[in-house]
Amino acid sequence: MSTPTDWAGLRAPSLAEIEALADAAFAALPEEFRHLCAGVRIHVDDFPDEETLTEMDCATEFDLLGLFRGVGLAQSGEVATGQMPNAVWLYRRPLLDYWAEHDESLGHLVTHVLVHEIGHHFGLSDDDMAEIEAAADAITDG
């Protein structure tokens, strides 16, 4: 069991530290899945912007942990001129808030949200995403 002094010097992870967790989570995904993700960018911000909050009908800035933006492989054919690259946003403050209220590691949570958002890119089912996440957990836990 940890003591108060174990926690006294700790601080919340920075944007860069969450990005490093996301990079490690992505690296732990099955190789064939990562290969299919070529070109998908991962961004970490503290919160979604106002436009995103309105578009997603969020009551507060803490309602959204992550978001895929772009044209998913399930819907697309050709990339249109001027189209922004496919990207996943992870939102640090909502992730930390969720993490504080649940019994899971921050790394697992980041992996879960990343897989879920990338899963939208492929049009994957919840079962498919659970299998990919389990494979990543086996690598990072193991």
C-alpha atoms as a PDB file:
ATOM      1  CA  MET A   1       0.000   0.000   0.000  1.00  0.00           C
ATOM      2  CA  SER A   2       1.306   3.462  -0.849  1.00  0.00           C
ATOM      3  CA  THR A   3       1.826   6.182   1.733  1.00  0.00           C
ATOM      4  CA  PRO A   4       1.000   9.894   1.484  1.00  0.00           C
ATOM      5  CA  THR A   5       4.683  10.648   0.938  1.00  0.00           C
ATOM      6  CA  ASP A   6       4.648   8.358  -2.125  1.00  0.00           C
ATOM      7  CA  TRP A   7       2.106  10.719  -3.686  1.00  0.00           C
ATOM      8  CA  ALA A   8       3.455  14.036  -2.358  1.00  0.00           C
ATOM      9  CA  GLY A   9       5.710  14.770  -5.333  1.00  0.00           C
ATOM     10  CA  LEU A  10       3.487  13.423  -8.102  1.00  0.00           C
ATOM     11  CA  ARG A  11       1.723  15.614 -10.636  1.00  0.00           C
ATOM     12  CA  ALA A  12      -0.787  14.994 -13.404  1.00  0.00           C
ATOM     13  CA  PRO A  13       0.716  13.703 -16.655  1.00  0.00           C
ATOM     14  CA  SER A  14       1.423  16.430 -19.228  1.00  0.00           C
ATOM     15  CA  LEU A  15       0.212  16.525 -22.819  1.00  0.00           C
ATOM     16  CA  ALA A  16       3.597  15.118 -23.874  1.00  0.00           C
ATOM     17  CA  GLU A  17       3.336  12.280 -21.346  1.00  0.00           C
ATOM     18  CA  ILE A  18      -0.167  11.341 -22.541  1.00  0.00           C
ATOM     19  CA  GLU A  19       1.134  11.478 -26.118  1.00  0.00           C
ATOM     20  CA  ALA A  20       3.967   9.119 -25.107  1.00  0.00           C
ATOM     21  CA  LEU A  21       1.372   6.739 -23.587  1.00  0.00           C
ATOM     22  CA  ALA A  22      -0.611   6.915 -26.843  1.00  0.00           C
ATOM     23  CA  ASP A  23       2.518   6.233 -28.910  1.00  0.00           C
ATOM     24  CA  ALA A  24       3.350   3.224 -26.711  1.00  0.00           C
ATOM     25  CA  ALA A  25      -0.255   1.995 -26.939  1.00  0.00           C
ATOM     26  CA  PHE A  26      -0.170   2.317 -30.731  1.00  0.00           C
ATOM     27  CA  ALA A  27       3.172   0.480 -30.894  1.00  0.00           C
ATOM     28  CA  ALA A  28       1.657  -2.389 -28.875  1.00  0.00           C
ATOM     29  CA  LEU A  29      -1.261  -2.890 -31.288  1.00  0.00           C
ATOM     30  CA  PRO A  30      -1.098  -5.909 -33.598  1.00  0.00           C
ATOM     31  CA  GLU A  31       1.245  -5.255 -36.541  1.00  0.00           C
ATOM     32  CA  GLU A  32      -1.416  -5.824 -39.206  1.00  0.00           C
ATOM     33  CA  PHE A  33      -3.675  -3.279 -37.506  1.00  0.00           C
ATOM     34  CA  ARG A  34      -0.875  -0.680 -37.272  1.00  0.00           C
ATOM     35  CA  HIS A  35      -0.021  -1.239 -40.938  1.00  0.00           C
ATOM     36  CA  LEU A  36      -3.598  -0.479 -41.939  1.00  0.00           C
ATOM     37  CA  CYS A  37      -3.453   2.728 -39.874  1.00  0.00           C
ATOM     38  CA  ALA A  38      -0.758   4.287 -42.048  1.00  0.00           C
ATOM     39  CA  GLY A  39      -1.389   8.018 -42.228  1.00  0.00           C
ATOM     40  CA  VAL A  40      -3.687   8.270 -39.195  1.00  0.00           C
ATOM     41  CA  ARG A  41      -2.327  11.008 -36.944  1.00  0.00           C
ATOM     42  CA  ILE A  42      -2.657  11.008 -33.159  1.00  0.00           C
ATOM     43  CA  HIS A  43      -3.114  14.350 -31.386  1.00  0.00           C
ATOM     44  CA  VAL A  44      -3.429  15.079 -27.671  1.00  0.00           C
ATOM     45  CA  ASP A  45      -5.156  18.235 -26.422  1.00  0.00           C
ATOM     46  CA  ASP A  46      -6.357  19.210 -22.976  1.00  0.00           C
ATOM     47  CA  PHE A  47      -9.997  19.539 -24.117  1.00  0.00           C
ATOM     48  CA  PRO A  48     -12.040  19.399 -27.327  1.00  0.00           C
ATOM     49  CA  ASP A  49     -12.560  22.797 -28.964  1.00  0.00           C
ATOM     50  CA  GLU A  50     -15.932  24.573 -28.789  1.00  0.00           C
ATOM     51  CA  GLU A  51     -16.874  23.543 -32.330  1.00  0.00           C
ATOM     52  CA  THR A  52     -16.315  19.866 -31.498  1.00  0.00           C
ATOM     53  CA  LEU A  53     -18.247  20.130 -28.226  1.00  0.00           C
ATOM     54  CA  THR A  54     -21.194  21.658 -30.078  1.00  0.00           C
ATOM     55  CA  GLU A  55     -21.015  19.184 -32.973  1.00  0.00           C
ATOM     56  CA  MET A  56     -20.882  16.204 -30.602  1.00  0.00           C
ATOM     57  CA  ASP A  57     -23.674  17.658 -28.422  1.00  0.00           C
ATOM     58  CA  CYS A  58     -21.526  17.506 -25.272  1.00  0.00           C
ATOM     59  CA  ALA A  59     -22.929  18.962 -22.062  1.00  0.00           C
ATOM     60  CA  THR A  60     -19.430  19.693 -20.692  1.00  0.00           C
ATOM     61  CA  GLU A  61     -15.860  19.656 -21.949  1.00  0.00           C
ATOM     62  CA  PHE A  62     -15.329  16.466 -19.907  1.00  0.00           C
ATOM     63  CA  ASP A  63     -17.853  14.411 -21.939  1.00  0.00           C
ATOM     64  CA  LEU A  64     -15.458  13.398 -24.724  1.00  0.00           C
ATOM     65  CA  LEU A  65     -12.344  11.281 -24.099  1.00  0.00           C
ATOM     66  CA  GLY A  66     -11.310  10.948 -27.737  1.00  0.00           C
ATOM     67  CA  LEU A  67     -12.499  11.520 -31.279  1.00  0.00           C
ATOM     68  CA  PHE A  68     -11.767  10.224 -34.772  1.00  0.00           C
ATOM     69  CA  ARG A  69     -11.919  12.872 -37.504  1.00  0.00           C
ATOM     70  CA  GLY A  70     -11.697  12.045 -41.163  1.00  0.00           C
ATOM     71  CA  VAL A  71     -13.126   9.660 -43.670  1.00  0.00           C
ATOM     72  CA  GLY A  72     -13.161   6.125 -42.368  1.00  0.00           C
ATOM     73  CA  LEU A  73     -12.096   3.239 -44.549  1.00  0.00           C
ATOM     74  CA  ALA A  74     -15.615   1.845 -44.233  1.00  0.00           C
ATOM     75  CA  GLN A  75     -17.002   4.945 -46.010  1.00  0.00           C
ATOM     76  CA  SER A  76     -14.220   6.088 -48.291  1.00  0.00           C
ATOM     77  CA  GLY A  77     -12.786   5.362 -51.623  1.00  0.00           C
ATOM     78  CA  GLU A  78     -10.590   8.133 -52.980  1.00  0.00           C
ATOM     79  CA  VAL A  79      -9.220  10.914 -50.804  1.00  0.00           C
ATOM     80  CA  ALA A  80     -10.684  14.234 -51.917  1.00  0.00           C
ATOM     81  CA  THR A  81      -8.434  17.186 -52.707  1.00  0.00           C
ATOM     82  CA  GLY A  82      -8.135  19.456 -49.692  1.00  0.00           C
ATOM     83  CA  GLN A  83      -9.374  16.755 -47.312  1.00  0.00           C
ATOM     84  CA  MET A  84      -7.680  16.844 -43.928  1.00  0.00           C
ATOM     85  CA  PRO A  85      -5.737  13.687 -43.015  1.00  0.00           C
ATOM     86  CA  ASN A  86      -7.461  11.144 -40.794  1.00  0.00           C
ATOM     87  CA  ALA A  87      -6.666  11.816 -37.161  1.00  0.00           C
ATOM     88  CA  VAL A  88      -7.481  10.707 -33.634  1.00  0.00           C
ATOM     89  CA  TRP A  89      -7.683  13.230 -30.820  1.00  0.00           C
ATOM     90  CA  LEU A  90      -7.216  12.184 -27.216  1.00  0.00           C
ATOM     91  CA  TYR A  91      -8.322  14.691 -24.582  1.00  0.00           C
ATOM     92  CA  ARG A  92      -6.014  14.765 -21.553  1.00  0.00           C
ATOM     93  CA  ARG A  93      -8.222  16.392 -18.917  1.00  0.00           C
ATOM     94  CA  PRO A  94     -11.320  14.234 -19.586  1.00  0.00           C
ATOM     95  CA  LEU A  95      -9.070  11.137 -19.659  1.00  0.00           C
ATOM     96  CA  LEU A  96      -7.557  12.076 -16.298  1.00  0.00           C
ATOM     97  CA  ASP A  97     -10.992  12.791 -14.827  1.00  0.00           C
ATOM     98  CA  TYR A  98     -12.307   9.415 -16.003  1.00  0.00           C
ATOM     99  CA  TRP A  99      -9.154   7.672 -14.745  1.00  0.00           C
ATOM    100  CA  ALA A 100      -9.576   9.213 -11.279  1.00  0.00           C
ATOM    101  CA  GLU A 101     -13.095   7.777 -11.046  1.00  0.00           C
ATOM    102  CA  HIS A 102     -12.390   4.237 -12.294  1.00  0.00           C
ATOM    103  CA  ASP A 103     -10.231   1.304 -11.344  1.00  0.00           C
ATOM    104  CA  GLU A 104      -7.959   0.902 -14.343  1.00  0.00           C
ATOM    105  CA  SER A 105      -4.496   2.069 -15.259  1.00  0.00           C
ATOM    106  CA  LEU A 106      -4.026   5.240 -17.265  1.00  0.00           C
ATOM    107  CA  GLY A 107      -2.135   3.254 -19.909  1.00  0.00           C
ATOM    108  CA  HIS A 108      -5.053   0.838 -20.297  1.00  0.00           C
ATOM    109  CA  LEU A 109      -7.514   3.730 -20.586  1.00  0.00           C
ATOM    110  CA  VAL A 110      -5.424   5.477 -23.259  1.00  0.00           C
ATOM    111  CA  THR A 111      -5.143   2.182 -25.174  1.00  0.00           C
ATOM    112  CA  HIS A 112      -8.896   1.600 -24.909  1.00  0.00           C
ATOM    113  CA  VAL A 113      -9.809   5.061 -26.217  1.00  0.00           C
ATOM    114  CA  LEU A 114      -7.171   4.917 -28.973  1.00  0.00           C
ATOM    115  CA  VAL A 115      -8.368   1.498 -30.194  1.00  0.00           C
ATOM    116  CA  HIS A 116     -11.993   2.604 -30.038  1.00  0.00           C
ATOM    117  CA  GLU A 117     -11.348   5.780 -32.047  1.00  0.00           C
ATOM    118  CA  ILE A 118      -9.120   4.049 -34.619  1.00  0.00           C
ATOM    119  CA  GLY A 119     -11.761   1.308 -34.801  1.00  0.00           C
ATOM    120  CA  HIS A 120     -14.133   3.932 -36.197  1.00  0.00           C
ATOM    121  CA  HIS A 121     -11.624   4.407 -39.023  1.00  0.00           C
ATOM    122  CA  PHE A 122     -12.088   0.780 -40.000  1.00  0.00           C
ATOM    123  CA  GLY A 123     -15.774   0.413 -39.172  1.00  0.00           C
ATOM    124  CA  LEU A 124     -14.911  -2.348 -36.673  1.00  0.00           C
ATOM    125  CA  SER A 125     -17.409  -3.916 -34.306  1.00  0.00           C
ATOM    126  CA  ASP A 126     -17.070  -3.657 -30.543  1.00  0.00           C
ATOM    127  CA  ASP A 127     -16.009  -7.327 -30.490  1.00  0.00           C
ATOM    128  CA  ASP A 128     -13.262  -6.663 -33.065  1.00  0.00           C
ATOM    129  CA  MET A 129     -11.991  -3.719 -31.028  1.00  0.00           C
ATOM    130  CA  ALA A 130     -12.028  -5.779 -27.815  1.00  0.00           C
ATOM    131  CA  GLU A 131      -9.838  -8.422 -29.491  1.00  0.00           C
ATOM    132  CA  ILE A 132      -7.334  -5.803 -30.698  1.00  0.00           C
ATOM    133  CA  GLU A 133      -7.249  -4.180 -27.273  1.00  0.00           C
ATOM    134  CA  ALA A 134      -6.720  -7.572 -25.588  1.00  0.00           C
ATOM    135  CA  ALA A 135      -3.804  -8.286 -27.936  1.00  0.00           C
ATOM    136  CA  ALA A 136      -2.230  -4.912 -27.062  1.00  0.00           C
ATOM    137  CA  ASP A 137      -2.763  -5.530 -23.334  1.00  0.00           C
ATOM    138  CA  ALA A 138      -1.068  -8.942 -23.638  1.00  0.00           C
ATOM    139  CA  ILE A 139       2.018  -7.218 -25.075  1.00  0.00           C
ATOM    140  CA  THR A 140       2.142  -4.368 -22.545  1.00  0.00           C
ATOM    141  CA  ASP A 141       1.249  -6.531 -19.523  1.00  0.00           C
ATOM    142  CA  GLY A 142       3.372  -9.310 -20.500  1.00  0.00           C
END
